Amino acid sequence: MFAQNGVVAKDSPYAYPLLKAGIPVLVSPTHIDEFIFKEIDTYEGLKFSNIETDHEDVERAIKGIEEANPEKKE
């Protein structure tokens, strides 16, 4: 996610479902980093996705976490 700072990112409606599900969110203040993350693609088994635009990746990640941890659902 690209935001001015961590506070803005944490309050984002895009980040909320990920943070609630326990999915790590990386905040970057510059858009050029998106190109770098797309090139790298994954890190330690985690896929980089822009939560503002890659909606299918985000929904798949949330669904996977919820299926793995059904007690976390509200």
N, C-alpha and C. Protein backbone atom coordinates (compact mmCIF):
# COMPACT_ATOMS: atom_id res chain seq x y z
N MET A 1 0.85 -1.17 0.00
CA MET A 1 0.00 0.00 0.00
C MET A 1 0.89 1.22 0.00
N PHE A 2 0.47 2.22 -0.71
CA PHE A 2 1.23 3.47 -0.77
C PHE A 2 0.46 4.53 0.00
N ALA A 3 1.10 5.11 1.01
CA ALA A 3 0.46 6.12 1.85
C ALA A 3 1.53 7.06 2.39
N GLN A 4 1.07 8.21 2.87
CA GLN A 4 1.99 9.20 3.41
C GLN A 4 2.74 8.68 4.63
N ASN A 5 2.02 7.92 5.46
CA ASN A 5 2.63 7.37 6.67
C ASN A 5 1.82 6.18 7.17
N GLY A 6 2.32 5.54 8.19
CA GLY A 6 1.67 4.35 8.72
C GLY A 6 0.30 4.60 9.31
N VAL A 7 0.09 5.76 9.89
CA VAL A 7 -1.21 6.08 10.48
C VAL A 7 -2.29 6.17 9.40
N VAL A 8 -1.97 6.85 8.33
CA VAL A 8 -2.91 6.96 7.21
C VAL A 8 -3.19 5.57 6.64
N ALA A 9 -2.16 4.77 6.49
CA ALA A 9 -2.33 3.43 5.93
C ALA A 9 -3.18 2.55 6.84
N LYS A 10 -2.94 2.61 8.13
CA LYS A 10 -3.68 1.78 9.08
C LYS A 10 -5.17 2.13 9.08
N ASP A 11 -5.51 3.38 8.85
CA ASP A 11 -6.90 3.81 8.82
C ASP A 11 -7.57 3.61 7.46
N SER A 12 -6.83 3.09 6.50
CA SER A 12 -7.36 2.90 5.15
C SER A 12 -8.38 1.77 5.11
N PRO A 13 -9.48 1.96 4.40
CA PRO A 13 -10.45 0.87 4.25
C PRO A 13 -9.88 -0.30 3.45
N TYR A 14 -8.82 -0.07 2.69
CA TYR A 14 -8.16 -1.15 1.96
C TYR A 14 -7.36 -2.04 2.90
N ALA A 15 -6.71 -1.44 3.89
CA ALA A 15 -5.85 -2.19 4.79
C ALA A 15 -6.61 -2.89 5.91
N TYR A 16 -7.74 -2.36 6.31
CA TYR A 16 -8.46 -2.89 7.47
C TYR A 16 -8.73 -4.39 7.39
N PRO A 17 -9.31 -4.92 6.29
CA PRO A 17 -9.59 -6.36 6.29
C PRO A 17 -8.33 -7.22 6.34
N LEU A 18 -7.25 -6.73 5.77
CA LEU A 18 -5.99 -7.47 5.82
C LEU A 18 -5.42 -7.49 7.22
N LEU A 19 -5.39 -6.34 7.86
CA LEU A 19 -4.86 -6.26 9.22
C LEU A 19 -5.72 -7.09 10.17
N LYS A 20 -7.02 -7.06 9.98
CA LYS A 20 -7.94 -7.84 10.81
C LYS A 20 -7.69 -9.34 10.65
N ALA A 21 -7.36 -9.76 9.42
CA ALA A 21 -7.09 -11.17 9.14
C ALA A 21 -5.67 -11.59 9.53
N GLY A 22 -4.85 -10.63 9.94
CA GLY A 22 -3.48 -10.95 10.34
C GLY A 22 -2.51 -11.04 9.17
N ILE A 23 -2.88 -10.46 8.03
CA ILE A 23 -2.02 -10.47 6.86
C ILE A 23 -1.10 -9.26 6.92
N PRO A 24 0.22 -9.45 6.75
CA PRO A 24 1.13 -8.31 6.82
C PRO A 24 0.89 -7.31 5.70
N VAL A 25 0.96 -6.03 6.04
CA VAL A 25 0.78 -4.95 5.07
C VAL A 25 2.05 -4.11 5.09
N LEU A 26 2.67 -3.98 3.93
CA LEU A 26 3.87 -3.17 3.78
C LEU A 26 3.44 -1.81 3.25
N VAL A 27 3.84 -0.75 3.93
CA VAL A 27 3.47 0.60 3.53
C VAL A 27 4.67 1.27 2.89
N SER A 28 4.45 1.86 1.72
CA SER A 28 5.52 2.56 1.03
C SER A 28 5.07 3.98 0.72
N PRO A 29 5.90 4.98 1.01
CA PRO A 29 5.52 6.36 0.72
C PRO A 29 5.76 6.78 -0.73
N THR A 30 6.39 5.92 -1.54
CA THR A 30 6.66 6.27 -2.93
C THR A 30 6.09 5.24 -3.89
N HIS A 31 5.50 5.72 -4.97
CA HIS A 31 4.89 4.82 -5.94
C HIS A 31 5.91 4.04 -6.76
N ILE A 32 7.13 4.51 -6.84
CA ILE A 32 8.15 3.79 -7.61
C ILE A 32 8.40 2.41 -7.01
N ASP A 33 8.19 2.27 -5.72
CA ASP A 33 8.39 0.97 -5.07
C ASP A 33 7.46 -0.10 -5.64
N GLU A 34 6.29 0.29 -6.14
CA GLU A 34 5.38 -0.70 -6.71
C GLU A 34 6.06 -1.45 -7.86
N PHE A 35 6.84 -0.76 -8.67
CA PHE A 35 7.55 -1.41 -9.78
C PHE A 35 8.56 -2.43 -9.25
N ILE A 36 9.23 -2.07 -8.18
CA ILE A 36 10.22 -2.98 -7.58
C ILE A 36 9.53 -4.20 -7.01
N PHE A 37 8.43 -3.99 -6.27
CA PHE A 37 7.71 -5.11 -5.68
C PHE A 37 7.13 -6.03 -6.75
N LYS A 38 6.63 -5.46 -7.84
CA LYS A 38 6.10 -6.29 -8.93
C LYS A 38 7.20 -7.13 -9.56
N GLU A 39 8.39 -6.57 -9.66
CA GLU A 39 9.52 -7.30 -10.23
C GLU A 39 9.97 -8.43 -9.30
N ILE A 40 10.05 -8.16 -8.01
CA ILE A 40 10.46 -9.17 -7.04
C ILE A 40 9.39 -10.25 -6.92
N ASP A 41 8.13 -9.87 -6.92
CA ASP A 41 6.94 -10.73 -6.87
C ASP A 41 6.69 -11.36 -5.51
N THR A 42 7.65 -12.06 -4.92
CA THR A 42 7.42 -12.69 -3.62
C THR A 42 8.64 -12.51 -2.72
N TYR A 43 8.40 -12.65 -1.43
CA TYR A 43 9.48 -12.61 -0.44
C TYR A 43 9.11 -13.57 0.67
N GLU A 44 9.97 -14.53 0.93
CA GLU A 44 9.74 -15.55 1.96
C GLU A 44 8.34 -16.15 1.85
N GLY A 45 7.94 -16.45 0.62
CA GLY A 45 6.65 -17.10 0.39
C GLY A 45 5.45 -16.17 0.38
N LEU A 46 5.65 -14.89 0.61
CA LEU A 46 4.55 -13.93 0.59
C LEU A 46 4.57 -13.17 -0.73
N LYS A 47 3.41 -13.06 -1.37
CA LYS A 47 3.31 -12.37 -2.65
C LYS A 47 3.04 -10.89 -2.42
N PHE A 48 3.76 -10.05 -3.13
CA PHE A 48 3.49 -8.61 -3.08
C PHE A 48 2.28 -8.31 -3.95
N SER A 49 1.33 -7.57 -3.41
CA SER A 49 0.15 -7.12 -4.15
C SER A 49 -0.18 -5.71 -3.70
N ASN A 50 -0.63 -4.90 -4.63
CA ASN A 50 -1.09 -3.56 -4.28
C ASN A 50 -2.54 -3.69 -3.83
N ILE A 51 -2.81 -3.45 -2.56
CA ILE A 51 -4.16 -3.68 -2.03
C ILE A 51 -5.18 -2.70 -2.58
N GLU A 52 -4.70 -1.65 -3.22
CA GLU A 52 -5.63 -0.69 -3.81
C GLU A 52 -6.07 -1.11 -5.21
N THR A 53 -5.33 -2.01 -5.86
CA THR A 53 -5.66 -2.39 -7.24
C THR A 53 -5.75 -3.89 -7.48
N ASP A 54 -5.06 -4.72 -6.74
CA ASP A 54 -5.04 -6.17 -6.95
C ASP A 54 -6.10 -6.86 -6.09
N HIS A 55 -7.35 -6.55 -6.35
CA HIS A 55 -8.44 -7.02 -5.50
C HIS A 55 -8.56 -8.54 -5.44
N GLU A 56 -8.34 -9.24 -6.54
CA GLU A 56 -8.45 -10.71 -6.52
C GLU A 56 -7.39 -11.32 -5.61
N ASP A 57 -6.16 -10.82 -5.67
CA ASP A 57 -5.10 -11.32 -4.81
C ASP A 57 -5.44 -11.09 -3.34
N VAL A 58 -5.95 -9.93 -3.04
CA VAL A 58 -6.30 -9.59 -1.66
C VAL A 58 -7.43 -10.48 -1.16
N GLU A 59 -8.48 -10.63 -1.95
CA GLU A 59 -9.61 -11.47 -1.54
C GLU A 59 -9.17 -12.93 -1.36
N ARG A 60 -8.31 -13.43 -2.24
CA ARG A 60 -7.80 -14.79 -2.13
C ARG A 60 -6.99 -14.96 -0.84
N ALA A 61 -6.18 -13.99 -0.51
CA ALA A 61 -5.37 -14.06 0.71
C ALA A 61 -6.24 -14.06 1.96
N ILE A 62 -7.24 -13.20 1.98
CA ILE A 62 -8.14 -13.14 3.14
C ILE A 62 -8.91 -14.44 3.28
N LYS A 63 -9.41 -14.96 2.17
CA LYS A 63 -10.16 -16.22 2.21
C LYS A 63 -9.28 -17.35 2.70
N GLY A 64 -8.03 -17.40 2.24
CA GLY A 64 -7.10 -18.44 2.68
C GLY A 64 -6.83 -18.39 4.17
N ILE A 65 -6.65 -17.18 4.70
CA ILE A 65 -6.41 -17.01 6.14
C ILE A 65 -7.65 -17.43 6.93
N GLU A 66 -8.84 -17.02 6.47
CA GLU A 66 -10.07 -17.37 7.18
C GLU A 66 -10.31 -18.87 7.17
N GLU A 67 -10.00 -19.54 6.07
CA GLU A 67 -10.18 -20.99 6.00
C GLU A 67 -9.18 -21.71 6.90
N ALA A 68 -7.97 -21.17 7.00
CA ALA A 68 -6.95 -21.78 7.84
C ALA A 68 -7.20 -21.55 9.32
N ASN A 69 -7.88 -20.44 9.65
CA ASN A 69 -8.15 -20.06 11.04
C ASN A 69 -9.63 -19.70 11.22
N PRO A 70 -10.52 -20.68 11.20
CA PRO A 70 -11.95 -20.36 11.28
C PRO A 70 -12.37 -19.68 12.58
N GLU A 71 -11.60 -19.84 13.64
CA GLU A 71 -11.95 -19.20 14.92
C GLU A 71 -11.75 -17.70 14.89
N LYS A 72 -11.00 -17.17 13.92
CA LYS A 72 -10.78 -15.72 13.82
C LYS A 72 -11.95 -14.99 13.17
N LYS A 73 -12.86 -15.71 12.52
CA LYS A 73 -14.01 -15.06 11.87
C LYS A 73 -14.92 -14.45 12.90
N GLU A 74 -15.52 -13.31 12.54
CA GLU A 74 -16.48 -12.67 13.44
C GLU A 74 -17.85 -12.74 12.85
